[in-house]
């Protein structure tokens, strides 16, 4: 009910805006262009401020999980810079590999199983 009362008012407002735009376009074109550019610039500044303070910090849950997985993967597969190695460094590296192998057998996998809907398969013979 409220919508039907508001509809003629909106049409009147849009009509007056079109009429004002047309008269401004034909009578004072330079001022119209300056006003349009000024409105676009102010809108861009307001959008930039809102984006910088509000929208930029809001990340979705999937993006957070992805960033955490990338960080974890980088930590796992991080390699040392190639260069000269002394004998003690080579021995330390070999002992570290042996310890790492022992730890990897005891440590659970970092992968997670995602349950699917295998039980809800469609019976294709009934089609």
Protein backbone atom coordinates (compact mmCIF):
# COMPACT_ATOMS: atom_id res chain seq x y z
CA UNK A 1 0.00 0.00 0.00
CA UNK A 2 2.80 2.38 0.94
CA UNK A 3 4.57 1.63 -2.34
CA UNK A 4 1.66 2.78 -4.45
CA UNK A 5 1.50 6.15 -2.67
CA UNK A 6 5.24 6.72 -3.08
CA UNK A 7 5.42 5.80 -6.78
CA UNK A 8 3.95 9.07 -8.26
CA UNK A 9 6.28 11.11 -6.05
CA UNK A 10 9.32 9.24 -7.41
CA UNK A 11 8.15 9.73 -11.02
CA UNK A 12 7.66 13.46 -10.36
CA UNK A 13 11.12 13.73 -8.83
CA UNK A 14 12.76 11.93 -11.78
CA UNK A 15 10.84 14.12 -14.25
CA UNK A 16 11.99 17.32 -12.53
CA UNK A 17 15.58 16.04 -12.52
CA UNK A 18 15.45 15.35 -16.26
CA UNK A 19 13.89 18.78 -16.89
CA UNK A 20 16.56 20.53 -14.80
CA UNK A 21 19.34 18.57 -16.50
CA UNK A 22 18.00 19.48 -19.95
CA UNK A 23 17.71 23.20 -19.20
CA UNK A 24 21.16 23.25 -17.62
CA UNK A 25 22.59 21.40 -20.64
CA UNK A 26 21.25 23.96 -23.14
CA UNK A 27 21.65 27.16 -21.09
CA UNK A 28 24.91 26.67 -19.19
CA UNK A 29 26.87 23.71 -20.58
CA UNK A 30 30.28 24.59 -19.07
CA UNK A 31 28.85 24.88 -15.57
CA UNK A 32 27.02 21.57 -16.02
CA UNK A 33 30.23 19.77 -17.00
CA UNK A 34 32.13 21.29 -14.08
CA UNK A 35 29.36 20.27 -11.67
CA UNK A 36 29.30 16.71 -13.07
CA UNK A 37 33.08 16.35 -12.75
CA UNK A 38 32.95 17.75 -9.23
CA UNK A 39 30.22 15.28 -8.22
CA UNK A 40 32.16 12.36 -9.69
CA UNK A 41 35.33 13.45 -7.87
CA UNK A 42 33.53 13.84 -4.54
CA UNK A 43 31.87 10.45 -5.01
CA UNK A 44 35.24 8.83 -5.76
CA UNK A 45 36.79 10.39 -2.65
CA UNK A 46 33.90 9.22 -0.45
CA UNK A 47 34.10 5.73 -1.94
CA UNK A 48 37.87 5.65 -1.41
CA UNK A 49 37.51 6.65 2.24
CA UNK A 50 34.79 4.08 2.88
CA UNK A 51 36.77 1.38 1.07
CA UNK A 52 39.99 2.20 2.95
CA UNK A 53 38.45 2.18 6.42
CA UNK A 54 35.61 -0.36 6.12
CA UNK A 55 35.60 -2.63 3.09
CA UNK A 56 39.33 -3.34 2.81
CA UNK A 57 39.61 -4.96 6.25
CA UNK A 58 36.60 -7.20 5.70
CA UNK A 59 37.81 -10.47 4.19
CA UNK A 60 35.77 -13.57 3.62
CA UNK A 61 36.29 -16.78 5.51
CA UNK A 62 37.53 -18.57 2.38
CA UNK A 63 40.25 -15.99 1.80
CA UNK A 64 41.44 -16.35 5.40
CA UNK A 65 41.63 -20.12 5.01
CA UNK A 66 43.47 -19.79 1.70
CA UNK A 67 46.03 -17.37 3.14
CA UNK A 68 46.61 -19.67 6.11
CA UNK A 69 47.12 -22.64 3.76
CA UNK A 70 49.58 -20.68 1.60
CA UNK A 71 51.54 -19.65 4.69
CA UNK A 72 51.61 -23.23 5.94
CA UNK A 73 52.75 -24.51 2.55
CA UNK A 74 55.53 -21.93 2.36
CA UNK A 75 56.74 -22.92 5.81
CA UNK A 76 56.72 -26.60 4.85
CA UNK A 77 58.54 -26.28 1.53
CA UNK A 78 60.91 -23.46 2.45
CA UNK A 79 64.38 -24.08 0.97
CA UNK A 80 67.75 -22.71 1.97
CA UNK A 81 69.71 -20.46 -0.34
CA UNK A 82 72.28 -22.39 -2.41
CA UNK A 83 75.83 -21.55 -1.45
CA UNK A 84 78.97 -22.97 0.08
CA UNK A 85 78.38 -25.52 2.80
CA UNK A 86 80.97 -26.62 5.27
CA UNK A 87 81.26 -30.18 6.52
CA UNK A 88 79.54 -29.35 9.79
CA UNK A 89 76.61 -27.82 7.96
CA UNK A 90 76.26 -30.93 5.79
CA UNK A 91 76.30 -33.18 8.89
CA UNK A 92 73.72 -30.98 10.60
CA UNK A 93 71.57 -31.09 7.50
CA UNK A 94 71.70 -34.90 7.34
CA UNK A 95 70.90 -35.27 11.03
CA UNK A 96 68.06 -32.79 10.64
CA UNK A 97 66.65 -34.86 7.75
CA UNK A 98 66.75 -38.03 9.86
CA UNK A 99 64.99 -36.27 12.74
CA UNK A 100 62.46 -34.81 10.32
CA UNK A 101 61.66 -38.25 8.93
CA UNK A 102 61.07 -39.58 12.44
CA UNK A 103 58.83 -36.64 13.26
CA UNK A 104 56.85 -36.97 10.05
CA UNK A 105 55.92 -40.55 10.88
CA UNK A 106 54.55 -39.52 14.26
CA UNK A 107 52.87 -36.32 13.14
CA UNK A 108 49.35 -36.47 11.66
CA UNK A 109 48.80 -35.20 8.14
CA UNK A 110 47.97 -31.53 7.60
CA UNK A 111 45.34 -32.50 5.04
CA UNK A 112 41.69 -32.76 5.94
CA UNK A 113 39.07 -35.12 4.50
CA UNK A 114 35.97 -33.40 3.17
CA UNK A 115 32.86 -35.56 3.39
CA UNK A 116 30.86 -35.68 0.21
CA UNK A 117 27.32 -36.74 -0.61
CA UNK A 118 28.07 -40.18 -2.02
CA UNK A 119 24.94 -41.65 -0.46
CA UNK A 120 22.67 -39.18 -2.26
CA UNK A 121 23.56 -40.24 -5.80
CA UNK A 122 20.72 -40.21 -8.27
CA UNK A 123 19.48 -43.49 -9.63
CA UNK A 124 20.19 -42.96 -13.32
CA UNK A 125 18.35 -46.13 -14.36
CA UNK A 126 15.02 -44.63 -13.28
CA UNK A 127 15.15 -41.75 -15.77
